[in-house]
PDB file of N, CA and C in Angstrom:
ATOM      1  N   MET A   1      -6.322   9.200  -0.246  1.00  0.00           N
ATOM      2  CA  MET A   1      -6.155   8.930   1.470  1.00  0.00           C
ATOM      3  C   MET A   1      -5.948  10.382   1.782  1.00  0.00           C
ATOM      4  N   ASP A   2      -6.785  10.587   2.872  1.00  0.00           N
ATOM      5  CA  ASP A   2      -6.549  12.096   3.320  1.00  0.00           C
ATOM      6  C   ASP A   2      -5.638  12.156   4.650  1.00  0.00           C
ATOM      7  N   SER A   3      -5.560  13.530   4.809  1.00  0.00           N
ATOM      8  CA  SER A   3      -4.338  13.587   6.103  1.00  0.00           C
ATOM      9  C   SER A   3      -4.543  12.595   7.085  1.00  0.00           C
ATOM     10  N   ALA A   4      -5.745  12.914   8.094  1.00  0.00           N
ATOM     11  CA  ALA A   4      -5.835  11.950   8.993  1.00  0.00           C
ATOM     12  C   ALA A   4      -5.578  10.580   8.963  1.00  0.00           C
ATOM     13  N   GLU A   5      -6.128  10.177   7.638  1.00  0.00           N
ATOM     14  CA  GLU A   5      -5.652   8.860   7.660  1.00  0.00           C
ATOM     15  C   GLU A   5      -4.082   8.291   7.388  1.00  0.00           C
ATOM     16  N   LEU A   6      -3.532   9.466   6.723  1.00  0.00           N
ATOM     17  CA  LEU A   6      -1.910   8.999   6.520  1.00  0.00           C
ATOM     18  C   LEU A   6      -1.395   9.059   7.992  1.00  0.00           C
ATOM     19  N   ILE A   7      -1.803  10.178   8.512  1.00  0.00           N
ATOM     20  CA  ILE A   7      -1.328  10.486   9.894  1.00  0.00           C
ATOM     21  C   ILE A   7      -1.503   9.077  10.927  1.00  0.00           C
ATOM     22  N   GLU A   8      -2.735   8.346  10.833  1.00  0.00           N
ATOM     23  CA  GLU A   8      -2.698   7.471  11.704  1.00  0.00           C
ATOM     24  C   GLU A   8      -2.088   6.283  11.237  1.00  0.00           C
ATOM     25  N   ARG A   9      -1.854   6.070   9.753  1.00  0.00           N
ATOM     26  CA  ARG A   9      -0.923   4.952   9.240  1.00  0.00           C
ATOM     27  C   ARG A   9       0.463   5.091   9.762  1.00  0.00           C
ATOM     28  N   LEU A  10       0.833   6.608   9.918  1.00  0.00           N
ATOM     29  CA  LEU A  10       2.530   6.504  10.164  1.00  0.00           C
ATOM     30  C   LEU A  10       2.324   6.486  11.762  1.00  0.00           C
ATOM     31  N   ARG A  11       1.326   6.657  12.644  1.00  0.00           N
ATOM     32  CA  ARG A  11       1.309   6.159  13.889  1.00  0.00           C
ATOM     33  C   ARG A  11       1.207   4.451  13.903  1.00  0.00           C
ATOM     34  N   ARG A  12       0.391   3.822  13.389  1.00  0.00           N
ATOM     35  CA  ARG A  12       0.122   2.737  13.472  1.00  0.00           C
ATOM     36  C   ARG A  12       1.044   1.383  12.994  1.00  0.00           C
ATOM     37  N   GLU A  13       1.473   1.918  11.697  1.00  0.00           N
ATOM     38  CA  GLU A  13       2.346   1.300  10.896  1.00  0.00           C
ATOM     39  C   GLU A  13       3.598   1.502  10.999  1.00  0.00           C
ATOM     40  N   GLY A  14       4.057   2.967  11.275  1.00  0.00           N
ATOM     41  CA  GLY A  14       5.261   3.379  11.042  1.00  0.00           C
ATOM     42  C   GLY A  14       6.040   3.757  12.422  1.00  0.00           C
ATOM     43  N   GLY A  15       5.313   3.613  13.533  1.00  0.00           N
ATOM     44  CA  GLY A  15       5.861   3.732  14.867  1.00  0.00           C
ATOM     45  C   GLY A  15       6.280   5.349  15.176  1.00  0.00           C
ATOM     46  N   PHE A  16       5.291   5.873  14.448  1.00  0.00           N
ATOM     47  CA  PHE A  16       5.715   7.584  14.995  1.00  0.00           C
ATOM     48  C   PHE A  16       4.761   8.008  16.000  1.00  0.00           C
ATOM     49  N   ARG A  17       5.370   8.878  16.768  1.00  0.00           N
ATOM     50  CA  ARG A  17       4.436   9.398  17.920  1.00  0.00           C
ATOM     51  C   ARG A  17       4.045  10.752  17.610  1.00  0.00           C
ATOM     52  N   LEU A  18       2.842  11.010  17.829  1.00  0.00           N
ATOM     53  CA  LEU A  18       1.821  12.493  17.298  1.00  0.00           C
ATOM     54  C   LEU A  18       2.284  13.404  18.440  1.00  0.00           C
ATOM     55  N   LEU A  19       2.589  14.478  18.020  1.00  0.00           N
ATOM     56  CA  LEU A  19       2.391  15.650  19.102  1.00  0.00           C
ATOM     57  C   LEU A  19       2.027  17.102  18.176  1.00  0.00           C
ATOM     58  N   PRO A  20       1.342  17.920  19.028  1.00  0.00           N
ATOM     59  CA  PRO A  20       0.786  19.036  18.308  1.00  0.00           C
ATOM     60  C   PRO A  20       2.448  19.928  18.232  1.00  0.00           C
ATOM     61  N   LEU A  21       2.168  20.802  16.854  1.00  0.00           N
ATOM     62  CA  LEU A  21       3.138  21.753  16.302  1.00  0.00           C
ATOM     63  C   LEU A  21       2.617  22.820  16.617  1.00  0.00           C
ATOM     64  N   LEU A  22       3.358  23.546  17.404  1.00  0.00           N
ATOM     65  CA  LEU A  22       2.979  25.070  17.999  1.00  0.00           C
ATOM     66  C   LEU A  22       3.253  26.174  17.324  1.00  0.00           C
ATOM     67  N   GLY A  23       2.615  27.132  16.919  1.00  0.00           N
ATOM     68  CA  GLY A  23       3.231  28.407  16.375  1.00  0.00           C
ATOM     69  C   GLY A  23       3.836  29.162  17.159  1.00  0.00           C
ATOM     70  N   ASN A  24       3.845  30.317  16.554  1.00  0.00           N
ATOM     71  CA  ASN A  24       4.475  31.637  17.702  1.00  0.00           C
ATOM     72  C   ASN A  24       3.767  32.063  18.703  1.00  0.00           C
ATOM     73  N   THR A  25       2.383  31.726  18.400  1.00  0.00           N
ATOM     74  CA  THR A  25       1.404  32.430  19.361  1.00  0.00           C
ATOM     75  C   THR A  25       1.142  31.132  20.683  1.00  0.00           C
ATOM     76  N   GLY A  26       1.499  30.185  20.497  1.00  0.00           N
ATOM     77  CA  GLY A  26       1.133  28.861  21.438  1.00  0.00           C
ATOM     78  C   GLY A  26       0.386  27.999  21.131  1.00  0.00           C
ATOM     79  N   GLN A  27      -0.454  28.795  19.869  1.00  0.00           N
ATOM     80  CA  GLN A  27      -1.890  27.700  18.973  1.00  0.00           C
ATOM     81  C   GLN A  27      -1.102  26.780  18.342  1.00  0.00           C
ATOM     82  N   VAL A  28      -1.783  25.683  18.341  1.00  0.00           N
ATOM     83  CA  VAL A  28      -1.664  24.511  17.539  1.00  0.00           C
ATOM     84  C   VAL A  28      -1.314  25.008  15.924  1.00  0.00           C
ATOM     85  N   ALA A  29      -0.447  24.696  14.954  1.00  0.00           N
ATOM     86  CA  ALA A  29      -0.559  25.031  13.870  1.00  0.00           C
ATOM     87  C   ALA A  29       0.110  23.898  12.854  1.00  0.00           C
ATOM     88  N   GLY A  30       0.218  22.692  13.423  1.00  0.00           N
ATOM     89  CA  GLY A  30       0.053  21.674  12.554  1.00  0.00           C
ATOM     90  C   GLY A  30       0.375  20.270  13.430  1.00  0.00           C
ATOM     91  N   VAL A  31       1.128  19.445  12.934  1.00  0.00           N
ATOM     92  CA  VAL A  31       1.324  18.127  13.922  1.00  0.00           C
ATOM     93  C   VAL A  31       2.930  17.880  13.884  1.00  0.00           C
ATOM     94  N   HIS A  32       3.480  17.409  14.610  1.00  0.00           N
ATOM     95  CA  HIS A  32       4.856  16.881  14.691  1.00  0.00           C
ATOM     96  C   HIS A  32       4.799  15.315  14.756  1.00  0.00           C
ATOM     97  N   LEU A  33       5.248  14.295  13.825  1.00  0.00           N
ATOM     98  CA  LEU A  33       5.557  13.286  14.347  1.00  0.00           C
ATOM     99  C   LEU A  33       7.055  13.062  14.234  1.00  0.00           C
ATOM    100  N   ALA A  34       7.475  11.734  15.365  1.00  0.00           N
ATOM    101  CA  ALA A  34       8.789  11.509  15.540  1.00  0.00           C
ATOM    102  C   ALA A  34       8.957  10.044  15.746  1.00  0.00           C
ATOM    103  N   ARG A  35      10.045   9.361  14.877  1.00  0.00           N
ATOM    104  CA  ARG A  35      10.403   8.345  15.564  1.00  0.00           C
ATOM    105  C   ARG A  35      12.023   8.156  15.502  1.00  0.00           C
ATOM    106  N   PHE A  36      12.089   7.287  16.542  1.00  0.00           N
ATOM    107  CA  PHE A  36      13.775   6.699  16.838  1.00  0.00           C
ATOM    108  C   PHE A  36      14.041   5.640  16.053  1.00  0.00           C
ATOM    109  N   LEU A  37      15.141   5.595  15.153  1.00  0.00           N
ATOM    110  CA  LEU A  37      15.499   4.353  14.660  1.00  0.00           C
ATOM    111  C   LEU A  37      16.417   3.498  14.976  1.00  0.00           C
ATOM    112  N   PRO A  38      16.903   2.552  14.914  1.00  0.00           N
ATOM    113  CA  PRO A  38      17.944   1.842  15.403  1.00  0.00           C
ATOM    114  C   PRO A  38      19.281   2.587  14.497  1.00  0.00           C
ATOM    115  N   GLY A  39      20.210   2.370  15.366  1.00  0.00           N
ATOM    116  CA  GLY A  39      21.487   3.119  15.039  1.00  0.00           C
ATOM    117  C   GLY A  39      21.656   4.153  14.906  1.00  0.00           C
ATOM    118  N   GLY A  40      21.314   5.078  15.847  1.00  0.00           N
ATOM    119  CA  GLY A  40      21.201   6.499  16.372  1.00  0.00           C
ATOM    120  C   GLY A  40      20.502   7.279  15.191  1.00  0.00           C
ATOM    121  N   GLN A  41      19.368   6.824  14.746  1.00  0.00           N
ATOM    122  CA  GLN A  41      18.975   7.923  13.485  1.00  0.00           C
ATOM    123  C   GLN A  41      17.471   8.471  14.149  1.00  0.00           C
ATOM    124  N   LEU A  42      16.937   9.544  13.321  1.00  0.00           N
ATOM    125  CA  LEU A  42      15.492   9.926  14.138  1.00  0.00           C
ATOM    126  C   LEU A  42      15.013  10.153  12.803  1.00  0.00           C
ATOM    127  N   ASP A  43      13.540  10.217  12.871  1.00  0.00           N
ATOM    128  CA  ASP A  43      12.813  10.647  11.586  1.00  0.00           C
ATOM    129  C   ASP A  43      11.659  11.533  12.303  1.00  0.00           C
ATOM    130  N   VAL A  44      11.710  12.700  11.404  1.00  0.00           N
ATOM    131  CA  VAL A  44      11.095  13.847  12.149  1.00  0.00           C
ATOM    132  C   VAL A  44      10.156  14.643  10.933  1.00  0.00           C
ATOM    133  N   ILE A  45       8.774  14.516  11.024  1.00  0.00           N
ATOM    134  CA  ILE A  45       7.752  14.707  10.071  1.00  0.00           C
ATOM    135  C   ILE A  45       7.243  15.901  10.644  1.00  0.00           C
ATOM    136  N   GLN A  46       7.074  17.305  10.385  1.00  0.00           N
ATOM    137  CA  GLN A  46       6.388  18.358  10.445  1.00  0.00           C
ATOM    138  C   GLN A  46       5.343  18.556   9.309  1.00  0.00           C
ATOM    139  N   ALA A  47       3.987  18.741   9.759  1.00  0.00           N
ATOM    140  CA  ALA A  47       2.993  19.137   8.594  1.00  0.00           C
ATOM    141  C   ALA A  47       2.074  20.135   9.173  1.00  0.00           C
ATOM    142  N   TRP A  48       1.940  21.366   8.476  1.00  0.00           N
ATOM    143  CA  TRP A  48       0.913  22.624   8.736  1.00  0.00           C
ATOM    144  C   TRP A  48      -0.514  22.243   7.909  1.00  0.00           C
ATOM    145  N   ASP A  49      -0.343  21.614   6.789  1.00  0.00           N
ATOM    146  CA  ASP A  49      -1.703  21.067   6.081  1.00  0.00           C
ATOM    147  C   ASP A  49      -1.178  20.061   5.384  1.00  0.00           C
ATOM    148  N   GLU A  50      -2.059  19.444   4.294  1.00  0.00           N
ATOM    149  CA  GLU A  50      -2.062  18.425   3.582  1.00  0.00           C
ATOM    150  C   GLU A  50      -0.823  19.190   2.361  1.00  0.00           C
ATOM    151  N   ARG A  51      -1.153  20.273   2.537  1.00  0.00           N
ATOM    152  CA  ARG A  51      -0.044  20.995   1.369  1.00  0.00           C
ATOM    153  C   ARG A  51       1.176  21.030   1.760  1.00  0.00           C
ATOM    154  N   TRP A  52       1.798  20.878   2.602  1.00  0.00           N
ATOM    155  CA  TRP A  52       3.003  21.607   3.343  1.00  0.00           C
ATOM    156  C   TRP A  52       3.748  20.759   4.409  1.00  0.00           C
ATOM    157  N   ALA A  53       4.597  19.977   3.941  1.00  0.00           N
ATOM    158  CA  ALA A  53       5.136  18.895   5.221  1.00  0.00           C
ATOM    159  C   ALA A  53       6.773  18.965   4.943  1.00  0.00           C
ATOM    160  N   VAL A  54       7.083  18.528   5.987  1.00  0.00           N
ATOM    161  CA  VAL A  54       8.740  18.124   5.812  1.00  0.00           C
ATOM    162  C   VAL A  54       9.277  16.906   6.383  1.00  0.00           C
ATOM    163  N   TRP A  55       9.837  16.469   5.841  1.00  0.00           N
ATOM    164  CA  TRP A  55      10.643  14.921   6.609  1.00  0.00           C
ATOM    165  C   TRP A  55      12.121  15.492   6.661  1.00  0.00           C
ATOM    166  N   ALA A  56      12.733  14.857   7.669  1.00  0.00           N
ATOM    167  CA  ALA A  56      14.235  14.753   7.630  1.00  0.00           C
ATOM    168  C   ALA A  56      14.698  13.519   8.719  1.00  0.00           C
ATOM    169  N   ARG A  57      15.181  13.193   8.203  1.00  0.00           N
ATOM    170  CA  ARG A  57      16.033  11.858   8.835  1.00  0.00           C
ATOM    171  C   ARG A  57      17.538  12.243   9.393  1.00  0.00           C
ATOM    172  N   MET A  58      17.493  12.476  10.447  1.00  0.00           N
ATOM    173  CA  MET A  58      19.019  12.535  11.082  1.00  0.00           C
ATOM    174  C   MET A  58      19.816  12.112  12.272  1.00  0.00           C
ATOM    175  N   PRO A  59      20.816  12.243  12.507  1.00  0.00           N
ATOM    176  CA  PRO A  59      21.501  11.608  13.737  1.00  0.00           C
ATOM    177  C   PRO A  59      20.462  12.142  14.809  1.00  0.00           C
ATOM    178  N   ASP A  60      20.103  10.818  15.575  1.00  0.00           N
ATOM    179  CA  ASP A  60      19.935  11.585  17.158  1.00  0.00           C
ATOM    180  C   ASP A  60      20.682  12.065  18.006  1.00  0.00           C
ATOM    181  N   ALA A  61      21.269  12.938  17.943  1.00  0.00           N
ATOM    182  CA  ALA A  61      22.111  13.942  18.745  1.00  0.00           C
ATOM    183  C   ALA A  61      21.930  15.397  18.356  1.00  0.00           C
ATOM    184  N   VAL A  62      22.207  16.256  19.552  1.00  0.00           N
ATOM    185  CA  VAL A  62      21.879  17.305  19.763  1.00  0.00           C
ATOM    186  C   VAL A  62      22.976  17.909  20.872  1.00  0.00           C
ATOM    187  N   ASP A  63      23.504  18.659  19.973  1.00  0.00           N
ATOM    188  CA  ASP A  63      24.910  19.479  21.246  1.00  0.00           C
ATOM    189  C   ASP A  63      23.963  20.708  21.996  1.00  0.00           C
ATOM    190  N   PRO A  64      23.916  20.170  23.156  1.00  0.00           N
ATOM    191  CA  PRO A  64      23.354  21.194  24.140  1.00  0.00           C
ATOM    192  C   PRO A  64      24.143  22.543  24.286  1.00  0.00           C
ATOM    193  N   GLY A  65      24.916  22.843  23.952  1.00  0.00           N
ATOM    194  CA  GLY A  65      25.749  24.173  23.466  1.00  0.00           C
ATOM    195  C   GLY A  65      25.196  24.868  22.728  1.00  0.00           C
ATOM    196  N   SER A  66      24.691  24.041  21.444  1.00  0.00           N
ATOM    197  CA  SER A  66      24.002  25.042  20.273  1.00  0.00           C
ATOM    198  C   SER A  66      23.028  23.831  20.189  1.00  0.00           C
ATOM    199  N   PRO A  67      21.662  24.376  20.842  1.00  0.00           N
ATOM    200  CA  PRO A  67      20.555  23.590  20.494  1.00  0.00           C
ATOM    201  C   PRO A  67      20.055  23.528  19.157  1.00  0.00           C
ATOM    202  N   PHE A  68      20.224  25.006  18.787  1.00  0.00           N
ATOM    203  CA  PHE A  68      19.401  25.414  17.358  1.00  0.00           C
ATOM    204  C   PHE A  68      19.890  25.227  16.337  1.00  0.00           C
ATOM    205  N   ALA A  69      21.170  24.895  16.344  1.00  0.00           N
ATOM    206  CA  ALA A  69      21.936  24.465  14.981  1.00  0.00           C
ATOM    207  C   ALA A  69      21.638  22.976  14.589  1.00  0.00           C
ATOM    208  N   GLY A  70      21.101  22.118  15.075  1.00  0.00           N
ATOM    209  CA  GLY A  70      21.037  20.831  14.704  1.00  0.00           C
ATOM    210  C   GLY A  70      22.012  19.962  14.593  1.00  0.00           C
ATOM    211  N   PRO A  71      21.716  18.560  14.342  1.00  0.00           N
ATOM    212  CA  PRO A  71      23.157  17.876  14.132  1.00  0.00           C
ATOM    213  C   PRO A  71      23.432  17.969  12.654  1.00  0.00           C
ATOM    214  N   VAL A  72      24.525  17.770  12.380  1.00  0.00           N
ATOM    215  CA  VAL A  72      25.144  17.725  10.925  1.00  0.00           C
ATOM    216  C   VAL A  72      24.752  16.383  10.215  1.00  0.00           C
ATOM    217  N   GLY A  73      24.408  16.494   9.137  1.00  0.00           N
ATOM    218  CA  GLY A  73      24.049  15.207   8.433  1.00  0.00           C
ATOM    219  C   GLY A  73      22.489  15.209   8.384  1.00  0.00           C
ATOM    220  N   GLY A  74      22.544  14.222   6.877  1.00  0.00           N
ATOM    221  CA  GLY A  74      20.955  13.815   7.354  1.00  0.00           C
ATOM    222  C   GLY A  74      19.913  14.087   5.797  1.00  0.00           C
ATOM    223  N   VAL A  75      18.660  13.572   5.950  1.00  0.00           N
ATOM    224  CA  VAL A  75      18.230  13.752   4.446  1.00  0.00           C
ATOM    225  C   VAL A  75      17.052  14.834   4.715  1.00  0.00           C
ATOM    226  N   VAL A  76      16.501  15.369   3.967  1.00  0.00           N
ATOM    227  CA  VAL A  76      15.517  16.087   4.108  1.00  0.00           C
ATOM    228  C   VAL A  76      14.331  16.379   2.837  1.00  0.00           C
ATOM    229  N   GLN A  77      13.025  16.339   3.193  1.00  0.00           N
ATOM    230  CA  GLN A  77      12.409  16.525   1.593  1.00  0.00           C
ATOM    231  C   GLN A  77      11.047  16.908   2.399  1.00  0.00           C
ATOM    232  N   ALA A  78      10.506  18.209   1.447  1.00  0.00           N
ATOM    233  CA  ALA A  78       9.391  19.226   1.489  1.00  0.00           C
ATOM    234  C   ALA A  78       8.753  18.929   0.426  1.00  0.00           C
ATOM    235  N   GLY A  79       7.301  19.264   0.712  1.00  0.00           N
ATOM    236  CA  GLY A  79       6.080  18.988  -0.109  1.00  0.00           C
ATOM    237  C   GLY A  79       4.824  18.842   0.502  1.00  0.00           C
ATOM    238  N   PRO A  80       4.157  18.323  -0.709  1.00  0.00           N
ATOM    239  CA  PRO A  80       2.671  17.623  -0.016  1.00  0.00           C
ATOM    240  C   PRO A  80       3.013  16.729   1.091  1.00  0.00           C
ATOM    241  N   LEU A  81       1.972  16.645   2.195  1.00  0.00           N
ATOM    242  CA  LEU A  81       2.158  15.444   2.890  1.00  0.00           C
ATOM    243  C   LEU A  81       1.975  14.617   2.246  1.00  0.00           C
ATOM    244  N   ALA A  82       1.319  13.707   1.300  1.00  0.00           N
ATOM    245  CA  ALA A  82       0.872  12.522   0.850  1.00  0.00           C
ATOM    246  C   ALA A  82       2.476  12.110  -0.081  1.00  0.00           C
ATOM    247  N   ARG A  83       3.105  13.132  -0.640  1.00  0.00           N
ATOM    248  CA  ARG A  83       4.178  12.874  -1.411  1.00  0.00           C
ATOM    249  C   ARG A  83       5.486  12.712  -0.496  1.00  0.00           C
ATOM    250  N   VAL A  84       5.461  13.761   0.724  1.00  0.00           N
ATOM    251  CA  VAL A  84       6.705  13.430   1.824  1.00  0.00           C
ATOM    252  C   VAL A  84       6.710  12.065   2.372  1.00  0.00           C
ATOM    253  N   VAL A  85       5.614  11.920   2.782  1.00  0.00           N
ATOM    254  CA  VAL A  85       5.378  10.358   3.679  1.00  0.00           C
ATOM    255  C   VAL A  85       5.376   8.942   2.747  1.00  0.00           C
ATOM    256  N   ALA A  86       5.486   9.371   1.742  1.00  0.00           N
ATOM    257  CA  ALA A  86       4.946   7.913   0.800  1.00  0.00           C
ATOM    258  C   ALA A  86       6.310   7.187   1.144  1.00  0.00           C
ATOM    259  N   PRO A  87       7.513   7.471   0.904  1.00  0.00           N
ATOM    260  CA  PRO A  87       8.613   6.435   1.035  1.00  0.00           C
ATOM    261  C   PRO A  87       8.591   5.716   2.587  1.00  0.00           C
ATOM    262  N   LEU A  88       8.449   6.444   3.701  1.00  0.00           N
ATOM    263  CA  LEU A  88       7.963   5.906   4.735  1.00  0.00           C
ATOM    264  C   LEU A  88       7.017   4.861   5.005  1.00  0.00           C
ATOM    265  N   LEU A  89       6.064   4.477   4.319  1.00  0.00           N
ATOM    266  CA  LEU A  89       4.836   3.653   4.605  1.00  0.00           C
ATOM    267  C   LEU A  89       5.471   2.721   3.366  1.00  0.00           C
ATOM    268  N   PRO A  90       4.523   1.747   3.516  1.00  0.00           N
ATOM    269  CA  PRO A  90       4.451   0.692   2.664  1.00  0.00           C
ATOM    270  C   PRO A  90       3.554   1.286   1.312  1.00  0.00           C
ATOM    271  N   ILE A  91       4.178   1.114  -0.040  1.00  0.00           N
ATOM    272  CA  ILE A  91       3.243   1.523  -1.156  1.00  0.00           C
ATOM    273  C   ILE A  91       1.885   1.420  -1.384  1.00  0.00           C
ATOM    274  N   GLN A  92       0.852   1.962  -1.495  1.00  0.00           N
ATOM    275  CA  GLN A  92      -0.040   1.592  -1.497  1.00  0.00           C
ATOM    276  C   GLN A  92      -1.017   2.558  -2.703  1.00  0.00           C
ATOM    277  N   SER A  93      -1.711   1.974  -3.335  1.00  0.00           N
ATOM    278  CA  SER A  93      -2.519   2.956  -4.342  1.00  0.00           C
ATOM    279  C   SER A  93      -3.266   4.178  -4.010  1.00  0.00           C
ATOM    280  N   GLY A  94      -2.814   5.186  -4.813  1.00  0.00           N
ATOM    281  CA  GLY A  94      -3.693   6.679  -4.123  1.00  0.00           C
ATOM    282  C   GLY A  94      -2.019   7.374  -3.904  1.00  0.00           C
ATOM    283  N   LEU A  95      -1.057   6.929  -3.372  1.00  0.00           N
ATOM    284  CA  LEU A  95       0.266   7.787  -3.070  1.00  0.00           C
ATOM    285  C   LEU A  95       1.113   7.802  -4.137  1.00  0.00           C
ATOM    286  N   SER A  96       1.474   8.941  -4.064  1.00  0.00           N
ATOM    287  CA  SER A  96       2.610   8.937  -5.157  1.00  0.00           C
ATOM    288  C   SER A  96       3.811   9.819  -4.810  1.00  0.00           C
ATOM    289  N   ARG A  97       4.843   9.653  -5.521  1.00  0.00           N
ATOM    290  CA  ARG A  97       5.922   9.981  -4.947  1.00  0.00           C
ATOM    291  C   ARG A  97       6.401  11.425  -5.564  1.00  0.00           C
TER     292      ARG A  97
END
């Protein structure tokens, strides 16, 4: 399954919203996907290409006094896009963890 198919499944089946991920020049450098979960949790996926992505599940809380510190606690996984998102979608042939 290619990256476009994975991203479409994350949107359609996983309830993720898709936004551009900007680089420091303002050009699109990748994709940013996010979804809000019950219980005040947030899933964020950022992918620069099919070889490099990161997923984090964290509390849906940002301290306005320290917005770049990020919330405390959560789970993070980085690596190839297909491996990072596999636990977030129903297991399908061709996807490995």
